[in-house]
């Protein structure tokens, strides 16, 4: 019986360890910083205890940190011209440089956005003046799958909806997956998105262990991207349970 109890403990530890490992690596990216036009950096750490990568969209960003401020191998680089701003984002009209009152006026539903519900991260955004904006997420683990979660919000846009897509390689010709979100309320462009995320789940790194990401307006206008979360996809609970059951059955066979 004691051996069986020990085996059960081992099986449960394996399942819990798999969950912990799957949830460990989370990278948060704020598309704007104190050094970008009308931008601000996310606090380090934020009110949730998480660290962000507050970037100036355009330059290549190497070895981004995860939420615990540990450097990773993951890089991000834009392939197309891209600008950044905060005017008519969730804070409305903003100044250069932004004031503390403007940042505080950022109107989001922090609870609905979870660990992306940080005013400074939602405040500013990346956008392309014409055509789609494209960037690569490099140095991903080819043995893992990833979830990409986007927050996009803007007022008075030419397109209500921003579309996010992943392609198989740098030609951006073969679509792998896509999702979309309304950056403003259709018919009421003064009402920006304050509580809705868009997620592409369970995608594998493509050619050269890269995710090729594009965003654009659904009708051909500018698309917007305020922040992004990259996380390792969590295995289905049934798969974790089977892992524990398999170990348990093996232990019973050894006991018999």
C-alpha atoms as a PDB file:
ATOM      1  CA  UNK A   1       0.000   0.000   0.000  1.00  0.00           C
ATOM      2  CA  UNK A   2       2.809   2.399   0.848  1.00  0.00           C
ATOM      3  CA  UNK A   3       4.366   1.890  -2.587  1.00  0.00           C
ATOM      4  CA  UNK A   4       0.998   2.571  -4.200  1.00  0.00           C
ATOM      5  CA  UNK A   5       0.603   5.788  -2.162  1.00  0.00           C
ATOM      6  CA  UNK A   6       4.048   6.948  -3.208  1.00  0.00           C
ATOM      7  CA  UNK A   7       3.250   6.168  -6.837  1.00  0.00           C
ATOM      8  CA  UNK A   8       0.025   8.160  -6.589  1.00  0.00           C
ATOM      9  CA  UNK A   9       1.969  11.121  -5.207  1.00  0.00           C
ATOM     10  CA  UNK A  10       4.444  10.851  -8.058  1.00  0.00           C
ATOM     11  CA  UNK A  11       1.623  10.751 -10.621  1.00  0.00           C
ATOM     12  CA  UNK A  12      -0.007  13.846  -9.163  1.00  0.00           C
ATOM     13  CA  UNK A  13       3.335  15.623  -9.018  1.00  0.00           C
ATOM     14  CA  UNK A  14       3.892  14.851 -12.706  1.00  0.00           C
ATOM     15  CA  UNK A  15       0.509  16.302 -13.638  1.00  0.00           C
ATOM     16  CA  UNK A  16       0.956  19.422 -11.499  1.00  0.00           C
ATOM     17  CA  UNK A  17       4.495  19.849 -12.789  1.00  0.00           C
ATOM     18  CA  UNK A  18       3.242  19.735 -16.359  1.00  0.00           C
ATOM     19  CA  UNK A  19       0.698  22.454 -15.587  1.00  0.00           C
ATOM     20  CA  UNK A  20       3.322  24.629 -13.885  1.00  0.00           C
ATOM     21  CA  UNK A  21       5.758  24.196 -16.766  1.00  0.00           C
ATOM     22  CA  UNK A  22       3.113  24.998 -19.361  1.00  0.00           C
ATOM     23  CA  UNK A  23       2.110  28.199 -17.594  1.00  0.00           C
ATOM     24  CA  UNK A  24       5.614  29.341 -16.692  1.00  0.00           C
ATOM     25  CA  UNK A  25       6.708  31.273 -19.777  1.00  0.00           C
ATOM     26  CA  UNK A  26       4.582  34.370 -20.417  1.00  0.00           C
ATOM     27  CA  UNK A  27       5.887  37.413 -22.292  1.00  0.00           C
ATOM     28  CA  UNK A  28       4.016  40.735 -22.222  1.00  0.00           C
ATOM     29  CA  UNK A  29       4.747  43.362 -24.885  1.00  0.00           C
ATOM     30  CA  UNK A  30       3.675  47.011 -24.699  1.00  0.00           C
ATOM     31  CA  UNK A  31       3.809  48.672 -28.139  1.00  0.00           C
ATOM     32  CA  UNK A  32       5.061  52.036 -26.913  1.00  0.00           C
ATOM     33  CA  UNK A  33       7.461  53.363 -24.303  1.00  0.00           C
ATOM     34  CA  UNK A  34       8.710  56.531 -22.643  1.00  0.00           C
ATOM     35  CA  UNK A  35      10.955  56.957 -25.692  1.00  0.00           C
ATOM     36  CA  UNK A  36       8.241  56.606 -28.343  1.00  0.00           C
ATOM     37  CA  UNK A  37       5.996  59.368 -29.678  1.00  0.00           C
ATOM     38  CA  UNK A  38       3.297  60.212 -27.108  1.00  0.00           C
ATOM     39  CA  UNK A  39       4.041  56.892 -25.425  1.00  0.00           C
ATOM     40  CA  UNK A  40       4.681  55.604 -21.916  1.00  0.00           C
ATOM     41  CA  UNK A  41       6.370  52.507 -20.540  1.00  0.00           C
ATOM     42  CA  UNK A  42       4.587  49.976 -18.394  1.00  0.00           C
ATOM     43  CA  UNK A  43       5.620  49.956 -14.710  1.00  0.00           C
ATOM     44  CA  UNK A  44       8.345  47.515 -13.693  1.00  0.00           C
ATOM     45  CA  UNK A  45       6.770  45.582 -12.134  1.00  0.00           C
ATOM     46  CA  UNK A  46       3.125  46.510 -12.706  1.00  0.00           C
ATOM     47  CA  UNK A  47       0.385  46.326 -10.061  1.00  0.00           C
ATOM     48  CA  UNK A  48       0.020  42.599 -10.752  1.00  0.00           C
ATOM     49  CA  UNK A  49       3.730  41.996 -10.123  1.00  0.00           C
ATOM     50  CA  UNK A  50       4.475  41.392 -13.813  1.00  0.00           C
ATOM     51  CA  UNK A  51       7.258  42.800 -15.974  1.00  0.00           C
ATOM     52  CA  UNK A  52       6.656  44.089 -19.503  1.00  0.00           C
ATOM     53  CA  UNK A  53       8.704  44.674 -22.627  1.00  0.00           C
ATOM     54  CA  UNK A  54       7.831  48.299 -23.480  1.00  0.00           C
ATOM     55  CA  UNK A  55       9.203  48.786 -26.959  1.00  0.00           C
ATOM     56  CA  UNK A  56       9.526  51.359 -29.712  1.00  0.00           C
ATOM     57  CA  UNK A  57       7.947  49.506 -32.655  1.00  0.00           C
ATOM     58  CA  UNK A  58      10.481  49.257 -35.454  1.00  0.00           C
ATOM     59  CA  UNK A  59      13.901  48.351 -33.998  1.00  0.00           C
ATOM     60  CA  UNK A  60      14.731  44.671 -33.484  1.00  0.00           C
ATOM     61  CA  UNK A  61      14.068  43.602 -29.887  1.00  0.00           C
ATOM     62  CA  UNK A  62      16.236  40.696 -28.693  1.00  0.00           C
ATOM     63  CA  UNK A  63      15.865  38.430 -25.659  1.00  0.00           C
ATOM     64  CA  UNK A  64      12.610  39.798 -24.303  1.00  0.00           C
ATOM     65  CA  UNK A  65      11.943  39.200 -20.602  1.00  0.00           C
ATOM     66  CA  UNK A  66       9.098  37.130 -19.233  1.00  0.00           C
ATOM     67  CA  UNK A  67       6.709  38.304 -16.527  1.00  0.00           C
ATOM     68  CA  UNK A  68       9.261  37.431 -13.815  1.00  0.00           C
ATOM     69  CA  UNK A  69      11.868  39.675 -15.532  1.00  0.00           C
ATOM     70  CA  UNK A  70      13.899  36.660 -16.673  1.00  0.00           C
ATOM     71  CA  UNK A  71      15.486  37.091 -20.134  1.00  0.00           C
ATOM     72  CA  UNK A  72      14.251  34.645 -22.759  1.00  0.00           C
ATOM     73  CA  UNK A  73      15.590  33.762 -26.197  1.00  0.00           C
ATOM     74  CA  UNK A  74      12.475  35.221 -27.857  1.00  0.00           C
ATOM     75  CA  UNK A  75      12.998  38.172 -30.223  1.00  0.00           C
ATOM     76  CA  UNK A  76      10.650  40.516 -32.078  1.00  0.00           C
ATOM     77  CA  UNK A  77      11.320  42.504 -35.231  1.00  0.00           C
ATOM     78  CA  UNK A  78       9.100  44.459 -37.640  1.00  0.00           C
ATOM     79  CA  UNK A  79       9.386  43.865 -41.382  1.00  0.00           C
ATOM     80  CA  UNK A  80       7.290  46.853 -42.457  1.00  0.00           C
ATOM     81  CA  UNK A  81       7.352  50.562 -41.555  1.00  0.00           C
ATOM     82  CA  UNK A  82       5.331  51.132 -38.411  1.00  0.00           C
ATOM     83  CA  UNK A  83       4.539  54.086 -36.192  1.00  0.00           C
ATOM     84  CA  UNK A  84       3.412  54.439 -32.612  1.00  0.00           C
ATOM     85  CA  UNK A  85       1.138  56.925 -30.865  1.00  0.00           C
ATOM     86  CA  UNK A  86      -1.485  57.216 -28.145  1.00  0.00           C
ATOM     87  CA  UNK A  87      -3.778  59.891 -29.573  1.00  0.00           C
ATOM     88  CA  UNK A  88      -7.367  58.626 -29.835  1.00  0.00           C
ATOM     89  CA  UNK A  89      -6.395  55.426 -28.070  1.00  0.00           C
ATOM     90  CA  UNK A  90      -8.083  54.394 -24.803  1.00  0.00           C
ATOM     91  CA  UNK A  91      -7.015  57.702 -23.202  1.00  0.00           C
ATOM     92  CA  UNK A  92      -8.477  59.937 -25.930  1.00  0.00           C
ATOM     93  CA  UNK A  93      -6.536  63.084 -26.925  1.00  0.00           C
ATOM     94  CA  UNK A  94      -2.984  63.008 -25.561  1.00  0.00           C
ATOM     95  CA  UNK A  95       0.028  65.327 -25.421  1.00  0.00           C
ATOM     96  CA  UNK A  96       3.725  65.032 -26.206  1.00  0.00           C
ATOM     97  CA  UNK A  97       4.969  64.032 -23.764  1.00  0.00           C
ATOM     98  CA  UNK A  98       1.852  62.548 -22.179  1.00  0.00           C
ATOM     99  CA  UNK A  99       0.805  63.833 -18.786  1.00  0.00           C
ATOM    100  CA  UNK A 100       0.145  61.668 -15.738  1.00  0.00           C
ATOM    101  CA  UNK A 101      -3.500  62.747 -15.882  1.00  0.00           C
ATOM    102  CA  UNK A 102      -3.779  61.521 -19.492  1.00  0.00           C
ATOM    103  CA  UNK A 103      -2.327  58.141 -18.592  1.00  0.00           C
ATOM    104  CA  UNK A 104      -4.692  57.913 -15.626  1.00  0.00           C
ATOM    105  CA  UNK A 105      -7.611  58.681 -17.970  1.00  0.00           C
ATOM    106  CA  UNK A 106      -6.934  55.472 -19.936  1.00  0.00           C
ATOM    107  CA  UNK A 107     -10.349  53.827 -20.025  1.00  0.00           C
ATOM    108  CA  UNK A 108     -10.109  50.025 -19.886  1.00  0.00           C
ATOM    109  CA  UNK A 109     -11.797  47.227 -17.983  1.00  0.00           C
ATOM    110  CA  UNK A 110      -8.714  45.938 -16.177  1.00  0.00           C
ATOM    111  CA  UNK A 111     -10.490  42.916 -14.726  1.00  0.00           C
ATOM    112  CA  UNK A 112     -11.740  41.785 -18.139  1.00  0.00           C
ATOM    113  CA  UNK A 113      -8.261  42.117 -19.658  1.00  0.00           C
ATOM    114  CA  UNK A 114      -6.538  40.092 -16.909  1.00  0.00           C
ATOM    115  CA  UNK A 115      -2.766  40.514 -16.801  1.00  0.00           C
ATOM    116  CA  UNK A 116      -3.025  42.764 -19.872  1.00  0.00           C
ATOM    117  CA  UNK A 117      -5.247  45.190 -17.967  1.00  0.00           C
ATOM    118  CA  UNK A 118      -2.525  47.765 -17.281  1.00  0.00           C
ATOM    119  CA  UNK A 119      -3.254  51.378 -18.219  1.00  0.00           C
ATOM    120  CA  UNK A 120       0.264  52.213 -19.370  1.00  0.00           C
ATOM    121  CA  UNK A 121       0.355  49.174 -21.674  1.00  0.00           C
ATOM    122  CA  UNK A 122      -3.095  49.878 -23.150  1.00  0.00           C
ATOM    123  CA  UNK A 123      -2.393  53.618 -23.472  1.00  0.00           C
ATOM    124  CA  UNK A 124      -0.267  53.545 -26.651  1.00  0.00           C
ATOM    125  CA  UNK A 125      -0.371  51.498 -29.854  1.00  0.00           C
ATOM    126  CA  UNK A 126       1.465  50.518 -33.028  1.00  0.00           C
ATOM    127  CA  UNK A 127      -0.065  51.127 -36.449  1.00  0.00           C
ATOM    128  CA  UNK A 128       0.959  51.178 -40.101  1.00  0.00           C
ATOM    129  CA  UNK A 129       0.152  54.230 -42.225  1.00  0.00           C
ATOM    130  CA  UNK A 130      -0.645  52.127 -45.277  1.00  0.00           C
ATOM    131  CA  UNK A 131      -0.942  48.420 -45.924  1.00  0.00           C
ATOM    132  CA  UNK A 132      -0.576  45.690 -43.298  1.00  0.00           C
ATOM    133  CA  UNK A 133       1.959  45.850 -40.457  1.00  0.00           C
ATOM    134  CA  UNK A 134       4.152  42.745 -40.259  1.00  0.00           C
ATOM    135  CA  UNK A 135       6.563  41.463 -37.647  1.00  0.00           C
ATOM    136  CA  UNK A 136       8.367  38.270 -36.728  1.00  0.00           C
ATOM    137  CA  UNK A 137       8.509  36.555 -33.340  1.00  0.00           C
ATOM    138  CA  UNK A 138      11.781  34.635 -33.483  1.00  0.00           C
ATOM    139  CA  UNK A 139      13.699  31.979 -31.519  1.00  0.00           C
ATOM    140  CA  UNK A 140      10.624  30.070 -30.387  1.00  0.00           C
ATOM    141  CA  UNK A 141      10.855  26.479 -29.179  1.00  0.00           C
ATOM    142  CA  UNK A 142       9.914  24.125 -32.051  1.00  0.00           C
ATOM    143  CA  UNK A 143       8.729  21.470 -29.567  1.00  0.00           C
ATOM    144  CA  UNK A 144       6.064  23.775 -28.098  1.00  0.00           C
ATOM    145  CA  UNK A 145       2.848  25.445 -29.175  1.00  0.00           C
ATOM    146  CA  UNK A 146       1.956  29.025 -28.339  1.00  0.00           C
ATOM    147  CA  UNK A 147      -1.041  31.255 -27.664  1.00  0.00           C
ATOM    148  CA  UNK A 148      -0.910  34.847 -28.939  1.00  0.00           C
ATOM    149  CA  UNK A 149      -3.339  37.269 -27.283  1.00  0.00           C
ATOM    150  CA  UNK A 150      -3.837  40.747 -28.743  1.00  0.00           C
ATOM    151  CA  UNK A 151      -5.334  43.926 -27.271  1.00  0.00           C
ATOM    152  CA  UNK A 152      -6.264  46.529 -29.876  1.00  0.00           C
ATOM    153  CA  UNK A 153      -8.149  49.748 -29.155  1.00  0.00           C
ATOM    154  CA  UNK A 154      -8.608  53.051 -31.016  1.00  0.00           C
ATOM    155  CA  UNK A 155     -11.231  55.758 -31.581  1.00  0.00           C
ATOM    156  CA  UNK A 156     -12.299  57.314 -34.880  1.00  0.00           C
ATOM    157  CA  UNK A 157     -10.570  54.662 -36.991  1.00  0.00           C
ATOM    158  CA  UNK A 158     -11.213  54.210 -40.696  1.00  0.00           C
ATOM    159  CA  UNK A 159     -11.887  50.509 -39.974  1.00  0.00           C
ATOM    160  CA  UNK A 160     -13.892  49.235 -37.017  1.00  0.00           C
ATOM    161  CA  UNK A 161     -12.006  45.942 -36.968  1.00  0.00           C
ATOM    162  CA  UNK A 162      -8.349  44.935 -36.857  1.00  0.00           C
ATOM    163  CA  UNK A 163      -7.442  41.483 -38.189  1.00  0.00           C
ATOM    164  CA  UNK A 164      -4.484  39.533 -36.781  1.00  0.00           C
ATOM    165  CA  UNK A 165      -3.000  36.745 -38.899  1.00  0.00           C
ATOM    166  CA  UNK A 166      -0.143  34.242 -38.722  1.00  0.00           C
ATOM    167  CA  UNK A 167       1.555  33.031 -41.889  1.00  0.00           C
ATOM    168  CA  UNK A 168       3.862  30.133 -42.625  1.00  0.00           C
ATOM    169  CA  UNK A 169       6.900  32.129 -43.821  1.00  0.00           C
ATOM    170  CA  UNK A 170       8.284  35.568 -44.663  1.00  0.00           C
ATOM    171  CA  UNK A 171       6.404  35.709 -47.976  1.00  0.00           C
ATOM    172  CA  UNK A 172       3.148  36.079 -45.984  1.00  0.00           C
ATOM    173  CA  UNK A 173       1.333  34.066 -48.630  1.00  0.00           C
ATOM    174  CA  UNK A 174       0.103  30.982 -46.724  1.00  0.00           C
ATOM    175  CA  UNK A 175      -2.293  31.729 -43.882  1.00  0.00           C
ATOM    176  CA  UNK A 176      -1.970  29.540 -40.778  1.00  0.00           C
ATOM    177  CA  UNK A 177      -4.518  31.158 -38.440  1.00  0.00           C
ATOM    178  CA  UNK A 178      -6.300  34.460 -37.874  1.00  0.00           C
ATOM    179  CA  UNK A 179      -8.568  36.325 -35.478  1.00  0.00           C
ATOM    180  CA  UNK A 180     -10.056  39.810 -35.234  1.00  0.00           C
ATOM    181  CA  UNK A 181     -11.368  42.368 -32.764  1.00  0.00           C
ATOM    182  CA  UNK A 182     -13.367  45.586 -33.003  1.00  0.00           C
ATOM    183  CA  UNK A 183     -11.077  48.450 -32.008  1.00  0.00           C
ATOM    184  CA  UNK A 184     -14.135  50.689 -31.797  1.00  0.00           C
ATOM    185  CA  UNK A 185     -17.881  50.183 -31.594  1.00  0.00           C
ATOM    186  CA  UNK A 186     -19.356  49.822 -35.111  1.00  0.00           C
ATOM    187  CA  UNK A 187     -21.570  52.839 -35.738  1.00  0.00           C
ATOM    188  CA  UNK A 188     -20.154  54.632 -32.681  1.00  0.00           C
ATOM    189  CA  UNK A 189     -16.487  55.300 -33.481  1.00  0.00           C
ATOM    190  CA  UNK A 190     -15.984  57.413 -30.345  1.00  0.00           C
ATOM    191  CA  UNK A 191     -16.444  54.262 -28.241  1.00  0.00           C
ATOM    192  CA  UNK A 192     -13.128  52.398 -28.165  1.00  0.00           C
ATOM    193  CA  UNK A 193     -12.571  48.762 -27.231  1.00  0.00           C
ATOM    194  CA  UNK A 194     -12.005  48.606 -23.478  1.00  0.00           C
ATOM    195  CA  UNK A 195     -12.567  44.970 -22.515  1.00  0.00           C
ATOM    196  CA  UNK A 196     -12.092  42.529 -25.422  1.00  0.00           C
ATOM    197  CA  UNK A 197      -9.026  40.494 -26.379  1.00  0.00           C
ATOM    198  CA  UNK A 198      -8.373  38.460 -29.526  1.00  0.00           C
ATOM    199  CA  UNK A 199      -6.440  35.184 -29.273  1.00  0.00           C
ATOM    200  CA  UNK A 200      -4.833  32.796 -31.724  1.00  0.00           C
ATOM    201  CA  UNK A 201      -4.342  29.561 -29.821  1.00  0.00           C
ATOM    202  CA  UNK A 202      -2.132  26.511 -30.046  1.00  0.00           C
ATOM    203  CA  UNK A 203       0.074  27.547 -32.973  1.00  0.00           C
ATOM    204  CA  UNK A 204       3.469  26.043 -33.740  1.00  0.00           C
ATOM    205  CA  UNK A 205       6.535  28.044 -34.795  1.00  0.00           C
ATOM    206  CA  UNK A 206       6.706  28.068 -38.564  1.00  0.00           C
ATOM    207  CA  UNK A 207       9.671  28.313 -40.937  1.00  0.00           C
ATOM    208  CA  UNK A 208      12.961  28.813 -38.998  1.00  0.00           C
ATOM    209  CA  UNK A 209      11.078  28.587 -35.649  1.00  0.00           C
ATOM    210  CA  UNK A 210       9.394  31.939 -36.297  1.00  0.00           C
ATOM    211  CA  UNK A 211       5.807  33.169 -36.073  1.00  0.00           C
ATOM    212  CA  UNK A 212       5.092  35.581 -38.944  1.00  0.00           C
ATOM    213  CA  UNK A 213       2.445  37.999 -37.672  1.00  0.00           C
ATOM    214  CA  UNK A 214       0.417  40.556 -39.628  1.00  0.00           C
ATOM    215  CA  UNK A 215      -2.232  43.047 -38.544  1.00  0.00           C
ATOM    216  CA  UNK A 216      -4.358  45.337 -40.668  1.00  0.00           C
ATOM    217  CA  UNK A 217      -7.768  46.963 -40.863  1.00  0.00           C
ATOM    218  CA  UNK A 218     -10.475  44.611 -42.113  1.00  0.00           C
ATOM    219  CA  UNK A 219     -11.429  46.988 -44.956  1.00  0.00           C
ATOM    220  CA  UNK A 220      -7.877  47.881 -45.929  1.00  0.00           C
ATOM    221  CA  UNK A 221      -7.248  50.766 -43.553  1.00  0.00           C
ATOM    222  CA  UNK A 222      -4.870  50.941 -40.615  1.00  0.00           C
ATOM    223  CA  UNK A 223      -4.871  48.218 -37.986  1.00  0.00           C
ATOM    224  CA  UNK A 224      -3.891  48.807 -34.364  1.00  0.00           C
ATOM    225  CA  UNK A 225      -2.003  46.828 -31.724  1.00  0.00           C
ATOM    226  CA  UNK A 226      -1.671  48.144 -28.168  1.00  0.00           C
ATOM    227  CA  UNK A 227      -0.257  45.089 -26.412  1.00  0.00           C
ATOM    228  CA  UNK A 228       0.506  41.424 -26.951  1.00  0.00           C
ATOM    229  CA  UNK A 229       0.840  38.365 -24.714  1.00  0.00           C
ATOM    230  CA  UNK A 230       2.894  35.374 -25.824  1.00  0.00           C
ATOM    231  CA  UNK A 231       2.396  32.250 -23.723  1.00  0.00           C
ATOM    232  CA  UNK A 232       3.136  28.574 -24.064  1.00  0.00           C
ATOM    233  CA  UNK A 233      -0.055  26.694 -24.853  1.00  0.00           C
ATOM    234  CA  UNK A 234      -1.368  24.761 -21.860  1.00  0.00           C
ATOM    235  CA  UNK A 235      -2.097  21.050 -22.547  1.00  0.00           C
ATOM    236  CA  UNK A 236      -5.719  19.979 -22.312  1.00  0.00           C
ATOM    237  CA  UNK A 237      -6.671  18.917 -18.755  1.00  0.00           C
ATOM    238  CA  UNK A 238      -7.668  15.497 -20.103  1.00  0.00           C
ATOM    239  CA  UNK A 239      -4.132  15.031 -21.411  1.00  0.00           C
ATOM    240  CA  UNK A 240      -2.657  15.902 -18.034  1.00  0.00           C
ATOM    241  CA  UNK A 241      -5.083  13.569 -16.309  1.00  0.00           C
ATOM    242  CA  UNK A 242      -4.132  10.741 -18.655  1.00  0.00           C
ATOM    243  CA  UNK A 243      -0.492  11.392 -17.829  1.00  0.00           C
ATOM    244  CA  UNK A 244      -1.242  10.937 -14.124  1.00  0.00           C
ATOM    245  CA  UNK A 245      -3.476   7.917 -14.687  1.00  0.00           C
ATOM    246  CA  UNK A 246      -0.834   6.237 -16.826  1.00  0.00           C
ATOM    247  CA  UNK A 247       1.744   6.654 -14.086  1.00  0.00           C
ATOM    248  CA  UNK A 248      -0.744   5.371 -11.515  1.00  0.00           C
ATOM    249  CA  UNK A 249      -1.612   2.275 -13.546  1.00  0.00           C
ATOM    250  CA  UNK A 250       2.052   1.561 -14.071  1.00  0.00           C
ATOM    251  CA  UNK A 251       2.568   1.736 -10.325  1.00  0.00           C
ATOM    252  CA  UNK A 252      -0.317  -0.687  -9.717  1.00  0.00           C
ATOM    253  CA  UNK A 253       1.127  -3.143 -12.215  1.00  0.00           C
ATOM    254  CA  UNK A 254       4.475  -3.003 -10.424  1.00  0.00           C
ATOM    255  CA  UNK A 255       2.706  -3.560  -7.078  1.00  0.00           C
ATOM    256  CA  UNK A 256       0.831  -6.608  -8.426  1.00  0.00           C
END
